[in-house]
Amino acid sequence: DIWQPLVSASTRMGNLGEDIKDRFAWEPFLVRDRSVNA
């Protein structure tokens, strides 16, 4: 829910070119780890 508005905003701003918009996954995933990382 946090990620999708960012993807939509990036699309509106023209950051997602047509070459990658439909070919990349645009998918977050979770890692069970105590460290602070992304």
Full PDB file with SEQRES, HELIX, SHEET, SSBOND, CRYST1, ORIGX, SCALE, CONECT and MASTER records, all heavy atoms in Angstrom:
SEQRES   1 A   38  ASP ILE TRP GLN PRO LEU VAL SER ALA SER THR ARG MET          
SEQRES   2 A   38  GLY ASN LEU GLY GLU ASP ILE LYS ASP ARG PHE ALA TRP          
SEQRES   3 A   38  GLU PRO PHE LEU VAL ARG ASP ARG SER VAL ASN ALA              
HELIX    1 AA1 TRP A    3  ARG A   12  1                                  10    
HELIX    2 AA2 GLU A   18  LYS A   21  1                                   4    
CRYST1    1.000    1.000    1.000  90.00  90.00  90.00 P 1           1          
ORIGX1      1.000000  0.000000  0.000000        0.00000                         
ORIGX2      0.000000  1.000000  0.000000        0.00000                         
ORIGX3      0.000000  0.000000  1.000000        0.00000                         
SCALE1      1.000000  0.000000  0.000000        0.00000                         
SCALE2      0.000000  1.000000  0.000000        0.00000                         
SCALE3      0.000000  0.000000  1.000000        0.00000                         
ATOM      1  N   ASP A   1       0.824  -1.214   0.000  1.00  0.00           N  
ATOM      2  CA  ASP A   1       0.000   0.000   0.000  1.00  0.00           C  
ATOM      3  C   ASP A   1       0.859   1.266   0.000  1.00  0.00           C  
ATOM      4  O   ASP A   1       0.435   2.309  -0.498  1.00  0.00           O  
ATOM      5  CB  ASP A   1      -0.929   0.011   1.213  1.00  0.00           C  
ATOM      6  CG  ASP A   1      -2.119  -0.926   1.046  1.00  0.00           C  
ATOM      7  OD1 ASP A   1      -2.334  -1.417  -0.076  1.00  0.00           O  
ATOM      8  OD2 ASP A   1      -2.824  -1.167   2.043  1.00  0.00           O  
ATOM      9  N   ILE A   2       2.047   1.186   0.589  1.00  0.00           N  
ATOM     10  CA  ILE A   2       2.976   2.316   0.550  1.00  0.00           C  
ATOM     11  C   ILE A   2       3.678   2.367  -0.805  1.00  0.00           C  
ATOM     12  O   ILE A   2       3.882   3.443  -1.383  1.00  0.00           O  
ATOM     13  CB  ILE A   2       4.016   2.205   1.680  1.00  0.00           C  
ATOM     14  CG1 ILE A   2       3.337   2.341   3.044  1.00  0.00           C  
ATOM     15  CG2 ILE A   2       5.113   3.267   1.537  1.00  0.00           C  
ATOM     16  CD1 ILE A   2       4.276   2.104   4.223  1.00  0.00           C  
ATOM     17  N   TRP A   3       4.008   1.194  -1.332  1.00  0.00           N  
ATOM     18  CA  TRP A   3       4.800   1.090  -2.564  1.00  0.00           C  
ATOM     19  C   TRP A   3       4.026   1.537  -3.805  1.00  0.00           C  
ATOM     20  O   TRP A   3       4.561   2.274  -4.651  1.00  0.00           O  
ATOM     21  CB  TRP A   3       5.261  -0.365  -2.692  1.00  0.00           C  
ATOM     22  CG  TRP A   3       5.883  -0.770  -3.986  1.00  0.00           C  
ATOM     23  CD1 TRP A   3       5.291  -1.437  -5.016  1.00  0.00           C  
ATOM     24  CD2 TRP A   3       7.242  -0.547  -4.416  1.00  0.00           C  
ATOM     25  NE1 TRP A   3       6.172  -1.650  -6.042  1.00  0.00           N  
ATOM     26  CE2 TRP A   3       7.377  -1.121  -5.693  1.00  0.00           C  
ATOM     27  CE3 TRP A   3       8.340   0.062  -3.830  1.00  0.00           C  
ATOM     28  CZ2 TRP A   3       8.579  -1.087  -6.397  1.00  0.00           C  
ATOM     29  CZ3 TRP A   3       9.541   0.094  -4.530  1.00  0.00           C  
ATOM     30  CH2 TRP A   3       9.663  -0.471  -5.791  1.00  0.00           C  
ATOM     31  N   GLN A   4       2.774   1.110  -3.939  1.00  0.00           N  
ATOM     32  CA  GLN A   4       2.035   1.362  -5.176  1.00  0.00           C  
ATOM     33  C   GLN A   4       1.845   2.849  -5.481  1.00  0.00           C  
ATOM     34  O   GLN A   4       1.982   3.256  -6.646  1.00  0.00           O  
ATOM     35  CB  GLN A   4       0.688   0.634  -5.141  1.00  0.00           C  
ATOM     36  CG  GLN A   4       0.803  -0.883  -5.227  1.00  0.00           C  
ATOM     37  CD  GLN A   4       1.557  -1.356  -6.468  1.00  0.00           C  
ATOM     38  OE1 GLN A   4       1.497  -0.718  -7.528  1.00  0.00           O  
ATOM     39  NE2 GLN A   4       2.264  -2.464  -6.334  1.00  0.00           N  
ATOM     40  N   PRO A   5       1.535   3.713  -4.496  1.00  0.00           N  
ATOM     41  CA  PRO A   5       1.474   5.154  -4.818  1.00  0.00           C  
ATOM     42  C   PRO A   5       2.805   5.713  -5.314  1.00  0.00           C  
ATOM     43  O   PRO A   5       2.821   6.642  -6.133  1.00  0.00           O  
ATOM     44  CB  PRO A   5       1.076   5.793  -3.475  1.00  0.00           C  
ATOM     45  CG  PRO A   5       0.361   4.715  -2.742  1.00  0.00           C  
ATOM     46  CD  PRO A   5       1.071   3.453  -3.117  1.00  0.00           C  
ATOM     47  N   LEU A   6       3.909   5.154  -4.841  1.00  0.00           N  
ATOM     48  CA  LEU A   6       5.221   5.595  -5.318  1.00  0.00           C  
ATOM     49  C   LEU A   6       5.417   5.207  -6.775  1.00  0.00           C  
ATOM     50  O   LEU A   6       5.927   6.001  -7.583  1.00  0.00           O  
ATOM     51  CB  LEU A   6       6.331   4.992  -4.452  1.00  0.00           C  
ATOM     52  CG  LEU A   6       6.348   5.407  -2.978  1.00  0.00           C  
ATOM     53  CD1 LEU A   6       7.347   4.554  -2.194  1.00  0.00           C  
ATOM     54  CD2 LEU A   6       6.694   6.890  -2.833  1.00  0.00           C  
ATOM     55  N   VAL A   7       5.030   3.984  -7.125  1.00  0.00           N  
ATOM     56  CA  VAL A   7       5.150   3.541  -8.520  1.00  0.00           C  
ATOM     57  C   VAL A   7       4.258   4.395  -9.415  1.00  0.00           C  
ATOM     58  O   VAL A   7       4.667   4.824 -10.503  1.00  0.00           O  
ATOM     59  CB  VAL A   7       4.795   2.046  -8.641  1.00  0.00           C  
ATOM     60  CG1 VAL A   7       4.794   1.607 -10.108  1.00  0.00           C  
ATOM     61  CG2 VAL A   7       5.771   1.187  -7.839  1.00  0.00           C  
ATOM     62  N   SER A   8       3.047   4.661  -8.952  1.00  0.00           N  
ATOM     63  CA  SER A   8       2.128   5.494  -9.742  1.00  0.00           C  
ATOM     64  C   SER A   8       2.674   6.909  -9.918  1.00  0.00           C  
ATOM     65  O   SER A   8       2.607   7.488 -11.014  1.00  0.00           O  
ATOM     66  CB  SER A   8       0.754   5.557  -9.063  1.00  0.00           C  
ATOM     67  OG  SER A   8       0.166   4.273  -8.995  1.00  0.00           O  
ATOM     68  N   ALA A   9       3.231   7.472  -8.845  1.00  0.00           N  
ATOM     69  CA  ALA A   9       3.807   8.818  -8.929  1.00  0.00           C  
ATOM     70  C   ALA A   9       4.985   8.843  -9.884  1.00  0.00           C  
ATOM     71  O   ALA A   9       5.144   9.775 -10.692  1.00  0.00           O  
ATOM     72  CB  ALA A   9       4.244   9.285  -7.541  1.00  0.00           C  
ATOM     73  N   SER A  10       5.837   7.827  -9.811  1.00  0.00           N  
ATOM     74  CA  SER A  10       6.988   7.759 -10.708  1.00  0.00           C  
ATOM     75  C   SER A  10       6.551   7.636 -12.157  1.00  0.00           C  
ATOM     76  O   SER A  10       7.178   8.203 -13.055  1.00  0.00           O  
ATOM     77  CB  SER A  10       7.873   6.559 -10.308  1.00  0.00           C  
ATOM     78  OG  SER A  10       9.135   6.640 -10.907  1.00  0.00           O  
ATOM     79  N   THR A  11       5.445   6.931 -12.387  1.00  0.00           N  
ATOM     80  CA  THR A  11       4.912   6.815 -13.745  1.00  0.00           C  
ATOM     81  C   THR A  11       4.420   8.168 -14.240  1.00  0.00           C  
ATOM     82  O   THR A  11       4.709   8.577 -15.378  1.00  0.00           O  
ATOM     83  CB  THR A  11       3.755   5.796 -13.771  1.00  0.00           C  
ATOM     84  OG1 THR A  11       4.231   4.525 -13.303  1.00  0.00           O  
ATOM     85  CG2 THR A  11       3.197   5.651 -15.180  1.00  0.00           C  
ATOM     86  N   ARG A  12       3.678   8.889 -13.393  1.00  0.00           N  
ATOM     87  CA  ARG A  12       3.185  10.218 -13.789  1.00  0.00           C  
ATOM     88  C   ARG A  12       4.326  11.176 -14.096  1.00  0.00           C  
ATOM     89  O   ARG A  12       4.206  12.040 -14.967  1.00  0.00           O  
ATOM     90  CB  ARG A  12       2.310  10.806 -12.677  1.00  0.00           C  
ATOM     91  CG  ARG A  12       0.990  10.092 -12.461  1.00  0.00           C  
ATOM     92  CD  ARG A  12       0.058  10.925 -11.605  1.00  0.00           C  
ATOM     93  NE  ARG A  12       0.623  11.232 -10.288  1.00  0.00           N  
ATOM     94  CZ  ARG A  12       0.477  10.462  -9.219  1.00  0.00           C  
ATOM     95  NH1 ARG A  12      -0.184   9.313  -9.315  1.00  0.00           N  
ATOM     96  NH2 ARG A  12       1.000  10.816  -8.056  1.00  0.00           N  
ATOM     97  N   MET A  13       5.430  11.031 -13.373  1.00  0.00           N  
ATOM     98  CA  MET A  13       6.567  11.930 -13.563  1.00  0.00           C  
ATOM     99  C   MET A  13       7.420  11.546 -14.768  1.00  0.00           C  
ATOM    100  O   MET A  13       8.368  12.253 -15.095  1.00  0.00           O  
ATOM    101  CB  MET A  13       7.427  11.920 -12.299  1.00  0.00           C  
ATOM    102  CG  MET A  13       6.714  12.486 -11.077  1.00  0.00           C  
ATOM    103  SD  MET A  13       7.602  12.141  -9.542  1.00  0.00           S  
ATOM    104  CE  MET A  13       9.106  13.109  -9.811  1.00  0.00           C  
ATOM    105  N   GLY A  14       7.089  10.432 -15.404  1.00  0.00           N  
ATOM    106  CA  GLY A  14       7.832  10.013 -16.591  1.00  0.00           C  
ATOM    107  C   GLY A  14       9.093   9.221 -16.283  1.00  0.00           C  
ATOM    108  O   GLY A  14       9.916   9.009 -17.178  1.00  0.00           O  
ATOM    109  N   ASN A  15       9.257   8.762 -15.022  1.00  0.00           N  
ATOM    110  CA  ASN A  15      10.455   7.998 -14.667  1.00  0.00           C  
ATOM    111  C   ASN A  15      10.396   6.556 -15.170  1.00  0.00           C  
ATOM    112  O   ASN A  15      11.435   5.932 -15.371  1.00  0.00           O  
ATOM    113  CB  ASN A  15      10.653   7.985 -13.153  1.00  0.00           C  
ATOM    114  CG  ASN A  15      10.900   9.368 -12.599  1.00  0.00           C  
ATOM    115  OD1 ASN A  15      11.371  10.253 -13.300  1.00  0.00           O  
ATOM    116  ND2 ASN A  15      10.579   9.571 -11.327  1.00  0.00           N  
ATOM    117  N   LEU A  16       9.181   6.026 -15.325  1.00  0.00           N  
ATOM    118  CA  LEU A  16       9.023   4.677 -15.839  1.00  0.00           C  
ATOM    119  C   LEU A  16       8.818   4.744 -17.343  1.00  0.00           C  
ATOM    120  O   LEU A  16       7.712   4.995 -17.820  1.00  0.00           O  
ATOM    121  CB  LEU A  16       7.831   3.963 -15.177  1.00  0.00           C  
ATOM    122  CG  LEU A  16       8.100   3.206 -13.886  1.00  0.00           C  
ATOM    123  CD1 LEU A  16       8.460   4.168 -12.770  1.00  0.00           C  
ATOM    124  CD2 LEU A  16       6.890   2.383 -13.483  1.00  0.00           C  
ATOM    125  N   GLY A  17       9.897   4.565 -18.070  1.00  0.00           N  
ATOM    126  CA  GLY A  17       9.792   4.587 -19.521  1.00  0.00           C  
ATOM    127  C   GLY A  17       8.985   3.409 -20.035  1.00  0.00           C  
ATOM    128  O   GLY A  17       8.814   2.399 -19.353  1.00  0.00           O  
ATOM    129  N   GLU A  18       8.484   3.548 -21.249  1.00  0.00           N  
ATOM    130  CA  GLU A  18       7.695   2.465 -21.827  1.00  0.00           C  
ATOM    131  C   GLU A  18       8.497   1.181 -21.952  1.00  0.00           C  
ATOM    132  O   GLU A  18       7.943   0.091 -21.979  1.00  0.00           O  
ATOM    133  CB  GLU A  18       7.169   2.895 -23.205  1.00  0.00           C  
ATOM    134  CG  GLU A  18       6.140   4.008 -23.159  1.00  0.00           C  
ATOM    135  CD  GLU A  18       4.903   3.628 -22.365  1.00  0.00           C  
ATOM    136  OE1 GLU A  18       4.488   2.453 -22.447  1.00  0.00           O  
ATOM    137  OE2 GLU A  18       4.356   4.491 -21.653  1.00  0.00           O  
ATOM    138  N   ASP A  19       9.845   1.319 -22.012  1.00  0.00           N  
ATOM    139  CA  ASP A  19      10.671   0.126 -22.170  1.00  0.00           C  
ATOM    140  C   ASP A  19      10.692  -0.747 -20.923  1.00  0.00           C  
ATOM    141  O   ASP A  19      10.891  -1.964 -21.015  1.00  0.00           O  
ATOM    142  CB  ASP A  19      12.106   0.521 -22.551  1.00  0.00           C  
ATOM    143  CG  ASP A  19      12.704   1.544 -21.591  1.00  0.00           C  
ATOM    144  OD1 ASP A  19      11.943   2.134 -20.809  1.00  0.00           O  
ATOM    145  OD2 ASP A  19      13.942   1.748 -21.644  1.00  0.00           O  
ATOM    146  N   ILE A  20      10.498  -0.155 -19.744  1.00  0.00           N  
ATOM    147  CA  ILE A  20      10.553  -0.945 -18.512  1.00  0.00           C  
ATOM    148  C   ILE A  20       9.219  -1.004 -17.775  1.00  0.00           C  
ATOM    149  O   ILE A  20       9.043  -1.856 -16.904  1.00  0.00           O  
ATOM    150  CB  ILE A  20      11.635  -0.416 -17.548  1.00  0.00           C  
ATOM    151  CG1 ILE A  20      11.307   0.997 -17.078  1.00  0.00           C  
ATOM    152  CG2 ILE A  20      13.010  -0.496 -18.178  1.00  0.00           C  
ATOM    153  CD1 ILE A  20      12.248   1.519 -15.997  1.00  0.00           C  
ATOM    154  N   LYS A  21       8.299  -0.147 -18.104  1.00  0.00           N  
ATOM    155  CA  LYS A  21       7.045  -0.053 -17.358  1.00  0.00           C  
ATOM    156  C   LYS A  21       6.328  -1.388 -17.276  1.00  0.00           C  
ATOM    157  O   LYS A  21       5.868  -1.805 -16.207  1.00  0.00           O  
ATOM    158  CB  LYS A  21       6.141   1.000 -18.002  1.00  0.00           C  
ATOM    159  CG  LYS A  21       4.796   1.177 -17.299  1.00  0.00           C  
ATOM    160  CD  LYS A  21       3.954   2.237 -18.002  1.00  0.00           C  
ATOM    161  CE  LYS A  21       2.590   2.363 -17.348  1.00  0.00           C  
ATOM    162  NZ  LYS A  21       1.749   3.376 -18.048  1.00  0.00           N  
ATOM    163  N   ASP A  22       6.199  -2.068 -18.417  1.00  0.00           N  
ATOM    164  CA  ASP A  22       5.444  -3.318 -18.448  1.00  0.00           C  
ATOM    165  C   ASP A  22       6.329  -4.561 -18.393  1.00  0.00           C  
ATOM    166  O   ASP A  22       5.808  -5.676 -18.341  1.00  0.00           O  
ATOM    167  CB  ASP A  22       4.584  -3.371 -19.725  1.00  0.00           C  
ATOM    168  CG  ASP A  22       3.538  -2.268 -19.757  1.00  0.00           C  
ATOM    169  OD1 ASP A  22       3.006  -1.947 -18.677  1.00  0.00           O  
ATOM    170  OD2 ASP A  22       3.274  -1.732 -20.849  1.00  0.00           O  
ATOM    171  N   ARG A  23       7.648  -4.365 -18.389  1.00  0.00           N  
ATOM    172  CA  ARG A  23       8.529  -5.533 -18.434  1.00  0.00           C  
ATOM    173  C   ARG A  23       9.202  -5.826 -17.098  1.00  0.00           C  
ATOM    174  O   ARG A  23       9.705  -6.924 -16.901  1.00  0.00           O  
ATOM    175  CB  ARG A  23       9.594  -5.331 -19.524  1.00  0.00           C  
ATOM    176  CG  ARG A  23       8.988  -5.203 -20.915  1.00  0.00           C  
ATOM    177  CD  ARG A  23      10.028  -5.038 -21.990  1.00  0.00           C  
ATOM    178  NE  ARG A  23      10.838  -6.236 -22.155  1.00  0.00           N  
ATOM    179  CZ  ARG A  23      11.849  -6.332 -23.014  1.00  0.00           C  
ATOM    180  NH1 ARG A  23      12.157  -5.275 -23.774  1.00  0.00           N  
ATOM    181  NH2 ARG A  23      12.543  -7.443 -23.116  1.00  0.00           N  
ATOM    182  N   PHE A  24       9.244  -4.844 -16.197  1.00  0.00           N  
ATOM    183  CA  PHE A  24       9.798  -5.083 -14.870  1.00  0.00           C  
ATOM    184  C   PHE A  24       8.671  -5.478 -13.907  1.00  0.00           C  
ATOM    185  O   PHE A  24       7.502  -5.219 -14.144  1.00  0.00           O  
ATOM    186  CB  PHE A  24      10.508  -3.832 -14.349  1.00  0.00           C  
ATOM    187  CG  PHE A  24      11.917  -3.677 -14.884  1.00  0.00           C  
ATOM    188  CD1 PHE A  24      12.393  -4.463 -15.917  1.00  0.00           C  
ATOM    189  CD2 PHE A  24      12.767  -2.736 -14.337  1.00  0.00           C  
ATOM    190  CE1 PHE A  24      13.686  -4.316 -16.411  1.00  0.00           C  
ATOM    191  CE2 PHE A  24      14.064  -2.580 -14.812  1.00  0.00           C  
ATOM    192  CZ  PHE A  24      14.521  -3.368 -15.851  1.00  0.00           C  
ATOM    193  N   ALA A  25       9.063  -6.088 -12.799  1.00  0.00           N  
ATOM    194  CA  ALA A  25       8.073  -6.649 -11.876  1.00  0.00           C  
ATOM    195  C   ALA A  25       7.406  -5.593 -11.007  1.00  0.00           C  
ATOM    196  O   ALA A  25       6.211  -5.696 -10.701  1.00  0.00           O  
ATOM    197  CB  ALA A  25       8.741  -7.693 -10.978  1.00  0.00           C  
ATOM    198  N   TRP A  26       8.163  -4.580 -10.549  1.00  0.00           N  
ATOM    199  CA  TRP A  26       7.675  -3.558  -9.614  1.00  0.00           C  
ATOM    200  C   TRP A  26       7.028  -4.232  -8.404  1.00  0.00           C  
ATOM    201  O   TRP A  26       5.879  -3.986  -8.071  1.00  0.00           O  
ATOM    202  CB  TRP A  26       6.690  -2.598 -10.305  1.00  0.00           C  
ATOM    203  CG  TRP A  26       7.221  -2.074 -11.589  1.00  0.00           C  
ATOM    204  CD1 TRP A  26       6.757  -2.299 -12.834  1.00  0.00           C  
ATOM    205  CD2 TRP A  26       8.386  -1.246 -11.751  1.00  0.00           C  
ATOM    206  NE1 TRP A  26       7.548  -1.666 -13.770  1.00  0.00           N  
ATOM    207  CE2 TRP A  26       8.565  -1.023 -13.131  1.00  0.00           C  
ATOM    208  CE3 TRP A  26       9.314  -0.686 -10.850  1.00  0.00           C  
ATOM    209  CZ2 TRP A  26       9.601  -0.263 -13.650  1.00  0.00           C  
ATOM    210  CZ3 TRP A  26      10.353   0.070 -11.380  1.00  0.00           C  
ATOM    211  CH2 TRP A  26      10.484   0.282 -12.747  1.00  0.00           C  
ATOM    212  N   GLU A  27       7.817  -5.067  -7.764  1.00  0.00           N  
ATOM    213  CA  GLU A  27       7.292  -5.926  -6.695  1.00  0.00           C  
ATOM    214  C   GLU A  27       8.164  -5.833  -5.441  1.00  0.00           C  
ATOM    215  O   GLU A  27       9.337  -6.187  -5.473  1.00  0.00           O  
ATOM    216  CB  GLU A  27       7.270  -7.379  -7.200  1.00  0.00           C  
ATOM    217  CG  GLU A  27       6.797  -8.392  -6.175  1.00  0.00           C  
ATOM    218  CD  GLU A  27       6.872  -9.803  -6.723  1.00  0.00           C  
ATOM    219  OE1 GLU A  27       6.445 -10.015  -7.883  1.00  0.00           O  
ATOM    220  OE2 GLU A  27       7.375 -10.699  -6.011  1.00  0.00           O  
ATOM    221  N   PRO A  28       7.600  -5.387  -4.321  1.00  0.00           N  
ATOM    222  CA  PRO A  28       8.344  -5.437  -3.060  1.00  0.00           C  
ATOM    223  C   PRO A  28       8.200  -6.820  -2.432  1.00  0.00           C  
ATOM    224  O   PRO A  28       7.244  -7.552  -2.724  1.00  0.00           O  
ATOM    225  CB  PRO A  28       7.659  -4.377  -2.199  1.00  0.00           C  
ATOM    226  CG  PRO A  28       6.226  -4.411  -2.670  1.00  0.00           C  
ATOM    227  CD  PRO A  28       6.269  -4.760  -4.136  1.00  0.00           C  
ATOM    228  N   PHE A  29       9.139  -7.189  -1.577  1.00  0.00           N  
ATOM    229  CA  PHE A  29       9.005  -8.426  -0.821  1.00  0.00           C  
ATOM    230  C   PHE A  29       9.673  -8.252   0.535  1.00  0.00           C  
ATOM    231  O   PHE A  29      10.488  -7.349   0.740  1.00  0.00           O  
ATOM    232  CB  PHE A  29       9.591  -9.630  -1.579  1.00  0.00           C  
ATOM    233  CG  PHE A  29      11.075  -9.554  -1.843  1.00  0.00           C  
ATOM    234  CD1 PHE A  29      11.989 -10.126  -0.971  1.00  0.00           C  
ATOM    235  CD2 PHE A  29      11.562  -8.918  -2.980  1.00  0.00           C  
ATOM    236  CE1 PHE A  29      13.359 -10.067  -1.217  1.00  0.00           C  
ATOM    237  CE2 PHE A  29      12.925  -8.851  -3.237  1.00  0.00           C  
ATOM    238  CZ  PHE A  29      13.824  -9.423  -2.350  1.00  0.00           C  
ATOM    239  N   LEU A  30       9.291  -9.122   1.468  1.00  0.00           N  
ATOM    240  CA  LEU A  30       9.722  -9.009   2.865  1.00  0.00           C  
ATOM    241  C   LEU A  30      10.783 -10.048   3.192  1.00  0.00           C  
ATOM    242  O   LEU A  30      10.713 -11.186   2.734  1.00  0.00           O  
ATOM    243  CB  LEU A  30       8.531  -9.197   3.806  1.00  0.00           C  
ATOM    244  CG  LEU A  30       7.414  -8.155   3.696  1.00  0.00           C  
ATOM    245  CD1 LEU A  30       6.181  -8.624   4.462  1.00  0.00           C  
ATOM    246  CD2 LEU A  30       7.874  -6.809   4.210  1.00  0.00           C  
ATOM    247  N   VAL A  31      11.747  -9.640   4.025  1.00  0.00           N  
ATOM    248  CA  VAL A  31      12.813 -10.524   4.481  1.00  0.00           C  
ATOM    249  C   VAL A  31      12.769 -10.577   5.999  1.00  0.00           C  
ATOM    250  O   VAL A  31      12.804  -9.539   6.663  1.00  0.00           O  
ATOM    251  CB  VAL A  31      14.196 -10.026   4.015  1.00  0.00           C  
ATOM    252  CG1 VAL A  31      15.294 -10.973   4.500  1.00  0.00           C  
ATOM    253  CG2 VAL A  31      14.234  -9.885   2.500  1.00  0.00           C  
ATOM    254  N   ARG A  32      12.688 -11.788   6.546  1.00  0.00           N  
ATOM    255  CA  ARG A  32      12.680 -11.948   7.997  1.00  0.00           C  
ATOM    256  C   ARG A  32      14.110 -11.767   8.510  1.00  0.00           C  
ATOM    257  O   ARG A  32      14.900 -12.708   8.554  1.00  0.00           O  
ATOM    258  CB  ARG A  32      12.167 -13.329   8.392  1.00  0.00           C  
ATOM    259  CG  ARG A  32      11.922 -13.478   9.907  1.00  0.00           C  
ATOM    260  CD  ARG A  32      11.845 -14.949  10.309  1.00  0.00           C  
ATOM    261  NE  ARG A  32      10.842 -15.680   9.582  1.00  0.00           N  
ATOM    262  CZ  ARG A  32       9.560 -15.765   9.932  1.00  0.00           C  
ATOM    263  NH1 ARG A  32       9.134 -15.158  11.017  1.00  0.00           N  
ATOM    264  NH2 ARG A  32       8.706 -16.465   9.209  1.00  0.00           N  
ATOM    265  N   ASP A  33      14.448 -10.553   8.865  1.00  0.00           N  
ATOM    266  CA  ASP A  33      15.794 -10.233   9.337  1.00  0.00           C  
ATOM    267  C   ASP A  33      15.713  -9.018  10.248  1.00  0.00           C  
ATOM    268  O   ASP A  33      15.005  -8.060   9.951  1.00  0.00           O  
ATOM    269  CB  ASP A  33      16.736  -9.953   8.160  1.00  0.00           C  
ATOM    270  CG  ASP A  33      18.193 -10.084   8.545  1.00  0.00           C  
ATOM    271  OD1 ASP A  33      18.642  -9.316   9.418  1.00  0.00           O  
ATOM    272  OD2 ASP A  33      18.893 -10.949   7.994  1.00  0.00           O  
ATOM    273  N   ARG A  34      16.462  -9.073  11.360  1.00  0.00           N  
ATOM    274  CA  ARG A  34      16.412  -7.986  12.346  1.00  0.00           C  
ATOM    275  C   ARG A  34      17.187  -6.760  11.902  1.00  0.00           C  
ATOM    276  O   ARG A  34      17.011  -5.679  12.463  1.00  0.00           O  
ATOM    277  CB  ARG A  34      16.973  -8.475  13.681  1.00  0.00           C  
ATOM    278  CG  ARG A  34      16.123  -9.525  14.374  1.00  0.00           C  
ATOM    279  CD  ARG A  34      16.807 -10.056  15.610  1.00  0.00           C  
ATOM    280  NE  ARG A  34      18.022 -10.790  15.273  1.00  0.00           N  
ATOM    281  CZ  ARG A  34      18.914 -11.219  16.155  1.00  0.00           C  
ATOM    282  NH1 ARG A  34      18.734 -10.960  17.446  1.00  0.00           N  
ATOM    283  NH2 ARG A  34      19.966 -11.890  15.778  1.00  0.00           N  
ATOM    284  N   SER A  35      18.082  -6.911  10.928  1.00  0.00           N  
ATOM    285  CA  SER A  35      18.914  -5.775  10.526  1.00  0.00           C  
ATOM    286  C   SER A  35      18.091  -4.752   9.751  1.00  0.00           C  
ATOM    287  O   SER A  35      17.049  -5.064   9.168  1.00  0.00           O  
ATOM    288  CB  SER A  35      20.098  -6.253   9.680  1.00  0.00           C  
ATOM    289  OG  SER A  35      19.646  -6.935   8.535  1.00  0.00           O  
ATOM    290  N   VAL A  36      18.572  -3.514   9.765  1.00  0.00           N  
ATOM    291  CA  VAL A  36      17.899  -2.409   9.081  1.00  0.00           C  
ATOM    292  C   VAL A  36      18.445  -2.319   7.671  1.00  0.00           C  
ATOM    293  O   VAL A  36      19.581  -1.899   7.450  1.00  0.00           O  
ATOM    294  CB  VAL A  36      18.125  -1.082   9.842  1.00  0.00           C  
ATOM    295  CG1 VAL A  36      17.484   0.077   9.088  1.00  0.00           C  
ATOM    296  CG2 VAL A  36      17.564  -1.183  11.252  1.00  0.00           C  
ATOM    297  N   ASN A  37      17.630  -2.744   6.705  1.00  0.00           N  
ATOM    298  CA  ASN A  37      18.146  -2.805   5.341  1.00  0.00           C  
ATOM    299  C   ASN A  37      17.000  -2.842   4.342  1.00  0.00           C  
ATOM    300  O   ASN A  37      15.895  -3.267   4.658  1.00  0.00           O  
ATOM    301  CB  ASN A  37      19.027  -4.048   5.164  1.00  0.00           C  
ATOM    302  CG  ASN A  37      19.976  -3.923   3.972  1.00  0.00           C  
ATOM    303  OD1 ASN A  37      20.106  -2.850   3.394  1.00  0.00           O  
ATOM    304  ND2 ASN A  37      20.624  -5.012   3.611  1.00  0.00           N  
ATOM    305  N   ALA A  38      17.301  -2.381   3.143  1.00  0.00           N  
ATOM    306  CA  ALA A  38      16.427  -2.529   1.983  1.00  0.00           C  
ATOM    307  C   ALA A  38      17.352  -2.553   0.771  1.00  0.00           C  
ATOM    308  O   ALA A  38      18.441  -1.992   0.811  1.00  0.00           O  
ATOM    309  CB  ALA A  38      15.432  -1.369   1.873  1.00  0.00           C  
TER     310      ALA A  38                                                      
MASTER        0    0    0    2    0    0    0    6  309    1    0    3          
END                                                                             
